[in-house]
């Protein structure tokens, strides 16, 4: 293959406080591409989500050493979904590979992704079969994936984090979506063409601490629920009918007991208090579900940009 015919592989690496991993992941990706894919040109794009450590300084050093490396620095932290998505749509290769900086996405899968891509697949994803992370978290993630898959009208992909290869044609689709709250896992399942799934065991983080916590996981769960299911509102509707029916039945039983036993029948205030607290809890939960849908609609209506850039390098 001549130099002019070389295809370009883009590798997009999102970062947030990854000073211990930024240079190692760059070297690992670069070395893997040069060793396993020498017939391709490459670009590596870091997008930093307003790190508070030395991550940006290290990325700037890498960019000065290697002109195949580009960088986008966000003006603030725009969240775990917007920043990687923005990075993907600003790559320029014939395909784009997304990979996390923490080494939980195995670099050695890159040539396997490219091999499947060359066979004609427009999307090649990594799918976890096992994980060396916290077993409780892995179990809970599995339960979440199964739940959202059953509730969604779109066939969601289990144990898929976004790690994979995307052909330029699909990146063009992402550019045209104009979605201010993009959920790449759902978009791939809903709009992606036929894909190849490559299984792998997820290793532990190489260094540093995970930035995932209860809030970020809850945020991801709610985004997928409000974007790809009607479950929240359907649960509220069915729960309302069910509780109304239960209240009607209990009322009939109470009336019958009162008529038969008359003055000797007394239930005290306990049933009333239980019913009040139960109904109050159900109403608050349903209002919370409704609020999540409204917030999702509100974010989309406002049409705010995915991110605001502070700086870009080597573009």
C-alpha atoms as a PDB file:
ATOM      1  CA  UNK A   1       0.000   0.000   0.000  1.00  0.00           C
ATOM      2  CA  UNK A   2       1.493   3.337  -1.013  1.00  0.00           C
ATOM      3  CA  UNK A   3       1.895   6.269   1.344  1.00  0.00           C
ATOM      4  CA  UNK A   4      -0.909   8.197  -0.380  1.00  0.00           C
ATOM      5  CA  UNK A   5      -3.324   5.312   0.098  1.00  0.00           C
ATOM      6  CA  UNK A   6      -2.709   4.833   3.779  1.00  0.00           C
ATOM      7  CA  UNK A   7      -5.785   4.855   5.966  1.00  0.00           C
ATOM      8  CA  UNK A   8      -5.697   6.831   9.199  1.00  0.00           C
ATOM      9  CA  UNK A   9      -6.668   5.350  12.543  1.00  0.00           C
ATOM     10  CA  UNK A  10      -7.884   7.870  15.128  1.00  0.00           C
ATOM     11  CA  UNK A  11      -7.671   6.943  18.798  1.00  0.00           C
ATOM     12  CA  UNK A  12      -9.670   9.157  21.157  1.00  0.00           C
ATOM     13  CA  UNK A  13      -8.714   9.138  24.845  1.00  0.00           C
ATOM     14  CA  UNK A  14     -10.901  11.050  27.335  1.00  0.00           C
ATOM     15  CA  UNK A  15      -9.119  12.189  30.510  1.00  0.00           C
ATOM     16  CA  UNK A  16      -9.952  13.557  33.906  1.00  0.00           C
ATOM     17  CA  UNK A  17      -7.231  13.627  36.568  1.00  0.00           C
ATOM     18  CA  UNK A  18      -5.123  10.950  34.869  1.00  0.00           C
ATOM     19  CA  UNK A  19      -1.620  12.307  35.475  1.00  0.00           C
ATOM     20  CA  UNK A  20      -0.322   8.822  36.307  1.00  0.00           C
ATOM     21  CA  UNK A  21      -1.826   7.270  33.186  1.00  0.00           C
ATOM     22  CA  UNK A  22      -1.659   9.930  30.456  1.00  0.00           C
ATOM     23  CA  UNK A  23       1.855   9.228  29.211  1.00  0.00           C
ATOM     24  CA  UNK A  24       1.709   5.426  29.707  1.00  0.00           C
ATOM     25  CA  UNK A  25      -1.545   5.134  27.744  1.00  0.00           C
ATOM     26  CA  UNK A  26      -0.110   7.306  24.952  1.00  0.00           C
ATOM     27  CA  UNK A  27       3.023   5.147  24.749  1.00  0.00           C
ATOM     28  CA  UNK A  28       1.001   1.923  24.884  1.00  0.00           C
ATOM     29  CA  UNK A  29      -1.363   3.025  22.095  1.00  0.00           C
ATOM     30  CA  UNK A  30       1.454   4.412  19.935  1.00  0.00           C
ATOM     31  CA  UNK A  31       3.591   1.290  20.330  1.00  0.00           C
ATOM     32  CA  UNK A  32       0.632  -1.021  19.602  1.00  0.00           C
ATOM     33  CA  UNK A  33      -0.238   0.890  16.435  1.00  0.00           C
ATOM     34  CA  UNK A  34       3.350   0.923  15.197  1.00  0.00           C
ATOM     35  CA  UNK A  35       3.873  -2.752  16.001  1.00  0.00           C
ATOM     36  CA  UNK A  36       0.562  -4.279  14.908  1.00  0.00           C
ATOM     37  CA  UNK A  37      -0.707  -1.747  12.351  1.00  0.00           C
ATOM     38  CA  UNK A  38       2.363  -0.360  10.537  1.00  0.00           C
ATOM     39  CA  UNK A  39       0.478   0.080   7.253  1.00  0.00           C
ATOM     40  CA  UNK A  40      -1.775   2.769   8.773  1.00  0.00           C
ATOM     41  CA  UNK A  41      -1.253   6.378   9.699  1.00  0.00           C
ATOM     42  CA  UNK A  42      -2.545   7.356  13.103  1.00  0.00           C
ATOM     43  CA  UNK A  43      -3.673  10.256  15.221  1.00  0.00           C
ATOM     44  CA  UNK A  44      -4.218  10.229  18.977  1.00  0.00           C
ATOM     45  CA  UNK A  45      -6.669  12.756  20.390  1.00  0.00           C
ATOM     46  CA  UNK A  46      -6.766  13.522  24.107  1.00  0.00           C
ATOM     47  CA  UNK A  47      -9.799  15.406  25.387  1.00  0.00           C
ATOM     48  CA  UNK A  48      -9.343  16.645  28.936  1.00  0.00           C
ATOM     49  CA  UNK A  49     -12.406  17.382  31.048  1.00  0.00           C
ATOM     50  CA  UNK A  50     -10.833  20.134  33.195  1.00  0.00           C
ATOM     51  CA  UNK A  51      -8.398  17.987  35.180  1.00  0.00           C
ATOM     52  CA  UNK A  52      -7.204  19.395  38.486  1.00  0.00           C
ATOM     53  CA  UNK A  53      -3.813  17.653  38.510  1.00  0.00           C
ATOM     54  CA  UNK A  54      -0.872  17.609  36.057  1.00  0.00           C
ATOM     55  CA  UNK A  55      -2.754  15.798  33.283  1.00  0.00           C
ATOM     56  CA  UNK A  56      -2.860  18.818  30.961  1.00  0.00           C
ATOM     57  CA  UNK A  57       0.791  19.616  31.460  1.00  0.00           C
ATOM     58  CA  UNK A  58       1.730  16.052  30.535  1.00  0.00           C
ATOM     59  CA  UNK A  59      -0.536  16.059  27.466  1.00  0.00           C
ATOM     60  CA  UNK A  60       1.027  19.335  26.276  1.00  0.00           C
ATOM     61  CA  UNK A  61       4.480  17.751  26.584  1.00  0.00           C
ATOM     62  CA  UNK A  62       3.332  14.758  24.529  1.00  0.00           C
ATOM     63  CA  UNK A  63       1.841  17.030  21.859  1.00  0.00           C
ATOM     64  CA  UNK A  64       5.131  18.925  21.542  1.00  0.00           C
ATOM     65  CA  UNK A  65       7.007  15.639  21.089  1.00  0.00           C
ATOM     66  CA  UNK A  66       4.617  13.935  18.667  1.00  0.00           C
ATOM     67  CA  UNK A  67       2.692  15.915  16.051  1.00  0.00           C
ATOM     68  CA  UNK A  68       0.377  12.935  15.548  1.00  0.00           C
ATOM     69  CA  UNK A  69      -1.069  13.720  18.971  1.00  0.00           C
ATOM     70  CA  UNK A  70      -3.824  16.314  19.309  1.00  0.00           C
ATOM     71  CA  UNK A  71      -5.521  17.708  22.389  1.00  0.00           C
ATOM     72  CA  UNK A  72      -8.721  19.494  23.342  1.00  0.00           C
ATOM     73  CA  UNK A  73      -8.913  21.114  26.765  1.00  0.00           C
ATOM     74  CA  UNK A  74     -12.432  21.811  28.031  1.00  0.00           C
ATOM     75  CA  UNK A  75     -13.107  25.048  29.898  1.00  0.00           C
ATOM     76  CA  UNK A  76     -14.836  23.074  32.683  1.00  0.00           C
ATOM     77  CA  UNK A  77     -15.978  19.556  33.479  1.00  0.00           C
ATOM     78  CA  UNK A  78     -18.868  18.806  31.118  1.00  0.00           C
ATOM     79  CA  UNK A  79     -19.616  15.341  32.438  1.00  0.00           C
ATOM     80  CA  UNK A  80     -18.855  11.747  31.602  1.00  0.00           C
ATOM     81  CA  UNK A  81     -20.925  11.628  28.384  1.00  0.00           C
ATOM     82  CA  UNK A  82     -20.522  14.953  26.606  1.00  0.00           C
ATOM     83  CA  UNK A  83     -16.736  15.140  26.671  1.00  0.00           C
ATOM     84  CA  UNK A  84     -15.969  11.733  25.066  1.00  0.00           C
ATOM     85  CA  UNK A  85     -18.722  12.259  22.497  1.00  0.00           C
ATOM     86  CA  UNK A  86     -17.276  15.659  21.589  1.00  0.00           C
ATOM     87  CA  UNK A  87     -13.855  14.075  21.215  1.00  0.00           C
ATOM     88  CA  UNK A  88     -15.221  11.399  18.883  1.00  0.00           C
ATOM     89  CA  UNK A  89     -16.814  13.881  16.486  1.00  0.00           C
ATOM     90  CA  UNK A  90     -13.572  15.886  16.274  1.00  0.00           C
ATOM     91  CA  UNK A  91     -11.408  13.016  15.068  1.00  0.00           C
ATOM     92  CA  UNK A  92     -10.398  12.958  11.410  1.00  0.00           C
ATOM     93  CA  UNK A  93      -9.432   9.338  10.721  1.00  0.00           C
ATOM     94  CA  UNK A  94     -11.081   6.730   8.537  1.00  0.00           C
ATOM     95  CA  UNK A  95     -12.192   5.143  11.788  1.00  0.00           C
ATOM     96  CA  UNK A  96     -12.137   6.166  15.438  1.00  0.00           C
ATOM     97  CA  UNK A  97     -11.229   3.976  18.392  1.00  0.00           C
ATOM     98  CA  UNK A  98     -12.306   5.152  21.848  1.00  0.00           C
ATOM     99  CA  UNK A  99     -10.263   3.939  24.786  1.00  0.00           C
ATOM    100  CA  UNK A 100     -10.081   4.975  28.438  1.00  0.00           C
ATOM    101  CA  UNK A 101      -6.875   6.335  29.923  1.00  0.00           C
ATOM    102  CA  UNK A 102      -6.980   4.039  32.958  1.00  0.00           C
ATOM    103  CA  UNK A 103      -6.007   0.850  31.021  1.00  0.00           C
ATOM    104  CA  UNK A 104      -9.309  -0.875  31.803  1.00  0.00           C
ATOM    105  CA  UNK A 105      -9.827  -1.002  28.040  1.00  0.00           C
ATOM    106  CA  UNK A 106      -7.107  -3.378  26.759  1.00  0.00           C
ATOM    107  CA  UNK A 107      -4.833  -1.720  24.201  1.00  0.00           C
ATOM    108  CA  UNK A 108      -4.048  -5.092  22.629  1.00  0.00           C
ATOM    109  CA  UNK A 109      -7.594  -5.265  21.244  1.00  0.00           C
ATOM    110  CA  UNK A 110      -6.858  -2.405  18.820  1.00  0.00           C
ATOM    111  CA  UNK A 111      -5.511  -4.664  16.022  1.00  0.00           C
ATOM    112  CA  UNK A 112      -8.481  -7.025  16.492  1.00  0.00           C
ATOM    113  CA  UNK A 113     -10.857  -4.101  16.108  1.00  0.00           C
ATOM    114  CA  UNK A 114      -9.095  -2.977  12.935  1.00  0.00           C
ATOM    115  CA  UNK A 115      -9.095  -6.506  11.513  1.00  0.00           C
ATOM    116  CA  UNK A 116     -12.878  -6.770  11.984  1.00  0.00           C
ATOM    117  CA  UNK A 117     -13.319  -3.274  10.515  1.00  0.00           C
ATOM    118  CA  UNK A 118     -11.384  -4.271   7.406  1.00  0.00           C
ATOM    119  CA  UNK A 119     -13.786  -7.200   6.996  1.00  0.00           C
ATOM    120  CA  UNK A 120     -16.610  -4.714   6.547  1.00  0.00           C
ATOM    121  CA  UNK A 121     -18.009  -4.027  10.009  1.00  0.00           C
ATOM    122  CA  UNK A 122     -18.727  -0.330  10.570  1.00  0.00           C
ATOM    123  CA  UNK A 123     -18.804  -0.749  14.342  1.00  0.00           C
ATOM    124  CA  UNK A 124     -16.629  -3.094  16.392  1.00  0.00           C
ATOM    125  CA  UNK A 125     -17.194  -3.017  20.149  1.00  0.00           C
ATOM    126  CA  UNK A 126     -15.542  -4.520  23.183  1.00  0.00           C
ATOM    127  CA  UNK A 127     -17.908  -6.475  25.401  1.00  0.00           C
ATOM    128  CA  UNK A 128     -16.939  -7.408  28.949  1.00  0.00           C
ATOM    129  CA  UNK A 129     -17.380 -11.038  29.946  1.00  0.00           C
ATOM    130  CA  UNK A 130     -15.537 -10.750  33.265  1.00  0.00           C
ATOM    131  CA  UNK A 131     -13.998  -7.975  35.288  1.00  0.00           C
ATOM    132  CA  UNK A 132     -11.286  -7.652  37.893  1.00  0.00           C
ATOM    133  CA  UNK A 133     -13.021  -4.643  39.395  1.00  0.00           C
ATOM    134  CA  UNK A 134     -15.132  -4.811  42.548  1.00  0.00           C
ATOM    135  CA  UNK A 135     -17.303  -7.946  42.107  1.00  0.00           C
ATOM    136  CA  UNK A 136     -20.291  -6.244  43.741  1.00  0.00           C
ATOM    137  CA  UNK A 137     -20.092  -3.348  41.279  1.00  0.00           C
ATOM    138  CA  UNK A 138     -19.741  -5.733  38.362  1.00  0.00           C
ATOM    139  CA  UNK A 139     -22.819  -7.659  39.559  1.00  0.00           C
ATOM    140  CA  UNK A 140     -24.847  -4.463  39.984  1.00  0.00           C
ATOM    141  CA  UNK A 141     -23.809  -3.271  36.516  1.00  0.00           C
ATOM    142  CA  UNK A 142     -24.935  -6.595  35.085  1.00  0.00           C
ATOM    143  CA  UNK A 143     -28.324  -6.254  36.797  1.00  0.00           C
ATOM    144  CA  UNK A 144     -28.665  -2.712  35.440  1.00  0.00           C
ATOM    145  CA  UNK A 145     -27.841  -3.792  31.876  1.00  0.00           C
ATOM    146  CA  UNK A 146     -30.394  -6.622  32.040  1.00  0.00           C
ATOM    147  CA  UNK A 147     -33.060  -4.345  33.484  1.00  0.00           C
ATOM    148  CA  UNK A 148     -32.621  -1.580  30.923  1.00  0.00           C
ATOM    149  CA  UNK A 149     -32.514  -4.147  28.125  1.00  0.00           C
ATOM    150  CA  UNK A 150     -35.887  -5.581  29.174  1.00  0.00           C
ATOM    151  CA  UNK A 151     -37.494  -2.171  29.623  1.00  0.00           C
ATOM    152  CA  UNK A 152     -36.176  -0.486  26.493  1.00  0.00           C
ATOM    153  CA  UNK A 153     -37.750  -0.679  23.058  1.00  0.00           C
ATOM    154  CA  UNK A 154     -34.154  -0.578  21.746  1.00  0.00           C
ATOM    155  CA  UNK A 155     -32.097  -3.736  22.192  1.00  0.00           C
ATOM    156  CA  UNK A 156     -29.461  -2.343  24.555  1.00  0.00           C
ATOM    157  CA  UNK A 157     -25.978  -3.913  24.626  1.00  0.00           C
ATOM    158  CA  UNK A 158     -24.990  -5.611  27.874  1.00  0.00           C
ATOM    159  CA  UNK A 159     -21.586  -4.902  29.449  1.00  0.00           C
ATOM    160  CA  UNK A 160     -20.695  -2.306  26.820  1.00  0.00           C
ATOM    161  CA  UNK A 161     -19.015   0.897  28.013  1.00  0.00           C
ATOM    162  CA  UNK A 162     -18.354   2.619  24.690  1.00  0.00           C
ATOM    163  CA  UNK A 163     -14.959   0.995  24.128  1.00  0.00           C
ATOM    164  CA  UNK A 164     -14.746   0.135  20.446  1.00  0.00           C
ATOM    165  CA  UNK A 165     -14.086   1.172  16.860  1.00  0.00           C
ATOM    166  CA  UNK A 166     -16.427   3.360  14.815  1.00  0.00           C
ATOM    167  CA  UNK A 167     -16.206   3.871  11.066  1.00  0.00           C
ATOM    168  CA  UNK A 168     -16.076   7.418   9.721  1.00  0.00           C
ATOM    169  CA  UNK A 169     -19.597   6.985   8.283  1.00  0.00           C
ATOM    170  CA  UNK A 170     -20.967   6.430  11.791  1.00  0.00           C
ATOM    171  CA  UNK A 171     -18.932   9.340  13.191  1.00  0.00           C
ATOM    172  CA  UNK A 172     -20.647  11.485  10.525  1.00  0.00           C
ATOM    173  CA  UNK A 173     -24.007  10.298  11.882  1.00  0.00           C
ATOM    174  CA  UNK A 174     -22.948  11.374  15.388  1.00  0.00           C
ATOM    175  CA  UNK A 175     -21.974  14.817  14.074  1.00  0.00           C
ATOM    176  CA  UNK A 176     -25.451  15.317  12.623  1.00  0.00           C
ATOM    177  CA  UNK A 177     -27.435  14.205  15.686  1.00  0.00           C
ATOM    178  CA  UNK A 178     -27.324  17.557  17.497  1.00  0.00           C
ATOM    179  CA  UNK A 179     -28.082  15.868  20.821  1.00  0.00           C
ATOM    180  CA  UNK A 180     -27.017  17.940  23.887  1.00  0.00           C
ATOM    181  CA  UNK A 181     -27.185  14.874  26.163  1.00  0.00           C
ATOM    182  CA  UNK A 182     -25.709  12.057  24.049  1.00  0.00           C
ATOM    183  CA  UNK A 183     -25.643   8.514  25.449  1.00  0.00           C
ATOM    184  CA  UNK A 184     -23.267   6.696  23.117  1.00  0.00           C
ATOM    185  CA  UNK A 185     -24.177   3.207  24.357  1.00  0.00           C
ATOM    186  CA  UNK A 186     -27.814   3.783  23.475  1.00  0.00           C
ATOM    187  CA  UNK A 187     -27.003   5.542  20.203  1.00  0.00           C
ATOM    188  CA  UNK A 188     -24.882   2.595  19.039  1.00  0.00           C
ATOM    189  CA  UNK A 189     -27.700   0.169  19.898  1.00  0.00           C
ATOM    190  CA  UNK A 190     -30.395   2.316  18.279  1.00  0.00           C
ATOM    191  CA  UNK A 191     -28.722   3.792  15.193  1.00  0.00           C
ATOM    192  CA  UNK A 192     -25.594   1.741  14.618  1.00  0.00           C
ATOM    193  CA  UNK A 193     -25.278  -0.642  11.653  1.00  0.00           C
ATOM    194  CA  UNK A 194     -24.413  -4.324  12.022  1.00  0.00           C
ATOM    195  CA  UNK A 195     -21.620  -4.608  14.546  1.00  0.00           C
ATOM    196  CA  UNK A 196     -18.968  -7.075  15.601  1.00  0.00           C
ATOM    197  CA  UNK A 197     -18.623  -7.804  19.320  1.00  0.00           C
ATOM    198  CA  UNK A 198     -15.246  -8.826  20.724  1.00  0.00           C
ATOM    199  CA  UNK A 199     -15.260 -10.221  24.233  1.00  0.00           C
ATOM    200  CA  UNK A 200     -12.605  -9.366  26.814  1.00  0.00           C
ATOM    201  CA  UNK A 201     -11.870  -9.470  30.518  1.00  0.00           C
ATOM    202  CA  UNK A 202     -11.722  -6.007  32.031  1.00  0.00           C
ATOM    203  CA  UNK A 203      -8.503  -5.475  34.018  1.00  0.00           C
ATOM    204  CA  UNK A 204      -8.088  -3.248  37.062  1.00  0.00           C
ATOM    205  CA  UNK A 205      -7.089   0.378  36.768  1.00  0.00           C
ATOM    206  CA  UNK A 206      -3.362   0.770  36.226  1.00  0.00           C
ATOM    207  CA  UNK A 207      -3.113   3.732  38.622  1.00  0.00           C
ATOM    208  CA  UNK A 208      -5.210   6.412  40.269  1.00  0.00           C
ATOM    209  CA  UNK A 209      -8.752   6.223  41.571  1.00  0.00           C
ATOM    210  CA  UNK A 210     -11.932   5.671  39.648  1.00  0.00           C
ATOM    211  CA  UNK A 211     -14.082   8.755  39.219  1.00  0.00           C
ATOM    212  CA  UNK A 212     -17.273   6.716  39.192  1.00  0.00           C
ATOM    213  CA  UNK A 213     -19.413   6.955  42.292  1.00  0.00           C
ATOM    214  CA  UNK A 214     -23.058   6.464  43.194  1.00  0.00           C
ATOM    215  CA  UNK A 215     -24.034   9.804  41.665  1.00  0.00           C
ATOM    216  CA  UNK A 216     -22.301   9.217  38.305  1.00  0.00           C
ATOM    217  CA  UNK A 217     -23.704   5.687  38.046  1.00  0.00           C
ATOM    218  CA  UNK A 218     -27.171   6.953  38.944  1.00  0.00           C
ATOM    219  CA  UNK A 219     -26.809   9.714  36.353  1.00  0.00           C
ATOM    220  CA  UNK A 220     -25.948   7.138  33.686  1.00  0.00           C
ATOM    221  CA  UNK A 221     -28.880   4.952  34.689  1.00  0.00           C
ATOM    222  CA  UNK A 222     -31.363   7.841  34.589  1.00  0.00           C
ATOM    223  CA  UNK A 223     -30.072   9.079  31.236  1.00  0.00           C
ATOM    224  CA  UNK A 224     -30.599   5.661  29.683  1.00  0.00           C
ATOM    225  CA  UNK A 225     -34.030   5.294  31.320  1.00  0.00           C
ATOM    226  CA  UNK A 226     -35.312   8.686  30.183  1.00  0.00           C
ATOM    227  CA  UNK A 227     -33.770   8.431  26.710  1.00  0.00           C
ATOM    228  CA  UNK A 228     -34.699   4.877  25.785  1.00  0.00           C
ATOM    229  CA  UNK A 229     -37.583   3.692  27.951  1.00  0.00           C
ATOM    230  CA  UNK A 230     -41.097   4.683  28.960  1.00  0.00           C
ATOM    231  CA  UNK A 231     -40.767   2.533  32.049  1.00  0.00           C
ATOM    232  CA  UNK A 232     -40.804   5.332  34.619  1.00  0.00           C
ATOM    233  CA  UNK A 233     -44.142   6.758  33.537  1.00  0.00           C
ATOM    234  CA  UNK A 234     -45.636   3.318  32.898  1.00  0.00           C
ATOM    235  CA  UNK A 235     -44.645   2.220  36.422  1.00  0.00           C
ATOM    236  CA  UNK A 236     -46.308   5.351  37.816  1.00  0.00           C
ATOM    237  CA  UNK A 237     -49.514   4.631  35.877  1.00  0.00           C
ATOM    238  CA  UNK A 238     -49.720   0.970  36.850  1.00  0.00           C
ATOM    239  CA  UNK A 239     -48.780   1.709  40.468  1.00  0.00           C
ATOM    240  CA  UNK A 240     -51.527   4.334  40.634  1.00  0.00           C
ATOM    241  CA  UNK A 241     -54.176   1.926  39.340  1.00  0.00           C
ATOM    242  CA  UNK A 242     -52.859  -0.867  41.565  1.00  0.00           C
ATOM    243  CA  UNK A 243     -52.862   1.214  44.736  1.00  0.00           C
ATOM    244  CA  UNK A 244     -56.308   2.598  43.943  1.00  0.00           C
ATOM    245  CA  UNK A 245     -57.631  -0.938  43.502  1.00  0.00           C
ATOM    246  CA  UNK A 246     -55.959  -2.078  46.729  1.00  0.00           C
ATOM    247  CA  UNK A 247     -57.433   0.884  48.617  1.00  0.00           C
ATOM    248  CA  UNK A 248     -60.892   0.076  47.227  1.00  0.00           C
ATOM    249  CA  UNK A 249     -60.647  -3.584  48.309  1.00  0.00           C
ATOM    250  CA  UNK A 250     -59.388  -2.639  51.791  1.00  0.00           C
ATOM    251  CA  UNK A 251     -62.232  -0.118  52.083  1.00  0.00           C
ATOM    252  CA  UNK A 252     -64.833  -2.769  51.207  1.00  0.00           C
ATOM    253  CA  UNK A 253     -63.329  -5.195  53.758  1.00  0.00           C
ATOM    254  CA  UNK A 254     -63.254  -2.500  56.418  1.00  0.00           C
ATOM    255  CA  UNK A 255     -66.866  -1.531  55.698  1.00  0.00           C
ATOM    256  CA  UNK A 256     -68.001  -5.168  55.839  1.00  0.00           C
ATOM    257  CA  UNK A 257     -66.199  -5.729  59.135  1.00  0.00           C
ATOM    258  CA  UNK A 258     -67.720  -2.563  60.563  1.00  0.00           C
ATOM    259  CA  UNK A 259     -71.240  -3.578  59.546  1.00  0.00           C
ATOM    260  CA  UNK A 260     -70.933  -7.121  60.899  1.00  0.00           C
ATOM    261  CA  UNK A 261     -69.048  -6.441  64.121  1.00  0.00           C
ATOM    262  CA  UNK A 262     -70.350  -2.895  64.553  1.00  0.00           C
ATOM    263  CA  UNK A 263     -69.101  -1.251  67.761  1.00  0.00           C
ATOM    264  CA  UNK A 264     -66.840  -4.151  68.773  1.00  0.00           C
ATOM    265  CA  UNK A 265     -64.718  -3.595  65.642  1.00  0.00           C
ATOM    266  CA  UNK A 266     -61.837  -1.159  65.948  1.00  0.00           C
ATOM    267  CA  UNK A 267     -58.648  -0.905  63.947  1.00  0.00           C
ATOM    268  CA  UNK A 268     -57.151   2.155  65.604  1.00  0.00           C
ATOM    269  CA  UNK A 269     -55.068   4.681  63.708  1.00  0.00           C
ATOM    270  CA  UNK A 270     -52.364   2.285  62.539  1.00  0.00           C
ATOM    271  CA  UNK A 271     -53.919   1.406  59.148  1.00  0.00           C
ATOM    272  CA  UNK A 272     -54.520   5.069  58.397  1.00  0.00           C
ATOM    273  CA  UNK A 273     -50.948   6.090  59.266  1.00  0.00           C
ATOM    274  CA  UNK A 274     -49.461   3.212  57.253  1.00  0.00           C
ATOM    275  CA  UNK A 275     -51.608   4.125  54.262  1.00  0.00           C
ATOM    276  CA  UNK A 276     -50.624   7.826  54.479  1.00  0.00           C
ATOM    277  CA  UNK A 277     -46.885   7.123  54.651  1.00  0.00           C
ATOM    278  CA  UNK A 278     -47.103   4.469  51.956  1.00  0.00           C
ATOM    279  CA  UNK A 279     -48.974   6.745  49.564  1.00  0.00           C
ATOM    280  CA  UNK A 280     -46.629   9.622  50.358  1.00  0.00           C
ATOM    281  CA  UNK A 281     -43.589   7.511  49.512  1.00  0.00           C
ATOM    282  CA  UNK A 282     -45.150   6.270  46.274  1.00  0.00           C
ATOM    283  CA  UNK A 283     -46.079   9.807  45.219  1.00  0.00           C
ATOM    284  CA  UNK A 284     -42.575  11.141  45.930  1.00  0.00           C
ATOM    285  CA  UNK A 285     -40.995   8.294  43.955  1.00  0.00           C
ATOM    286  CA  UNK A 286     -43.288   8.899  40.994  1.00  0.00           C
ATOM    287  CA  UNK A 287     -42.639  12.652  41.129  1.00  0.00           C
ATOM    288  CA  UNK A 288     -38.926  11.852  41.043  1.00  0.00           C
ATOM    289  CA  UNK A 289     -39.378   9.739  37.920  1.00  0.00           C
ATOM    290  CA  UNK A 290     -41.442  12.482  36.313  1.00  0.00           C
ATOM    291  CA  UNK A 291     -38.791  15.042  37.244  1.00  0.00           C
ATOM    292  CA  UNK A 292     -36.076  12.993  35.535  1.00  0.00           C
ATOM    293  CA  UNK A 293     -38.048  12.976  32.277  1.00  0.00           C
ATOM    294  CA  UNK A 294     -38.736  16.705  32.552  1.00  0.00           C
ATOM    295  CA  UNK A 295     -35.063  17.465  33.197  1.00  0.00           C
ATOM    296  CA  UNK A 296     -34.109  15.396  30.162  1.00  0.00           C
ATOM    297  CA  UNK A 297     -36.616  17.284  27.996  1.00  0.00           C
ATOM    298  CA  UNK A 298     -35.463  20.625  29.418  1.00  0.00           C
ATOM    299  CA  UNK A 299     -31.811  19.907  28.633  1.00  0.00           C
ATOM    300  CA  UNK A 300     -32.631  18.983  25.055  1.00  0.00           C
ATOM    301  CA  UNK A 301     -34.866  22.021  24.526  1.00  0.00           C
ATOM    302  CA  UNK A 302     -32.190  24.457  25.738  1.00  0.00           C
ATOM    303  CA  UNK A 303     -29.806  23.242  22.992  1.00  0.00           C
ATOM    304  CA  UNK A 304     -26.665  24.083  24.913  1.00  0.00           C
ATOM    305  CA  UNK A 305     -23.311  23.102  23.358  1.00  0.00           C
ATOM    306  CA  UNK A 306     -21.764  19.757  24.260  1.00  0.00           C
ATOM    307  CA  UNK A 307     -18.642  21.429  25.648  1.00  0.00           C
ATOM    308  CA  UNK A 308     -16.880  24.788  25.549  1.00  0.00           C
ATOM    309  CA  UNK A 309     -13.238  24.544  24.522  1.00  0.00           C
ATOM    310  CA  UNK A 310     -10.503  26.362  26.370  1.00  0.00           C
ATOM    311  CA  UNK A 311      -7.670  25.298  24.086  1.00  0.00           C
ATOM    312  CA  UNK A 312      -6.766  22.862  21.339  1.00  0.00           C
ATOM    313  CA  UNK A 313      -3.332  21.689  20.230  1.00  0.00           C
ATOM    314  CA  UNK A 314      -1.922  20.345  16.912  1.00  0.00           C
ATOM    315  CA  UNK A 315      -5.142  20.815  14.943  1.00  0.00           C
END
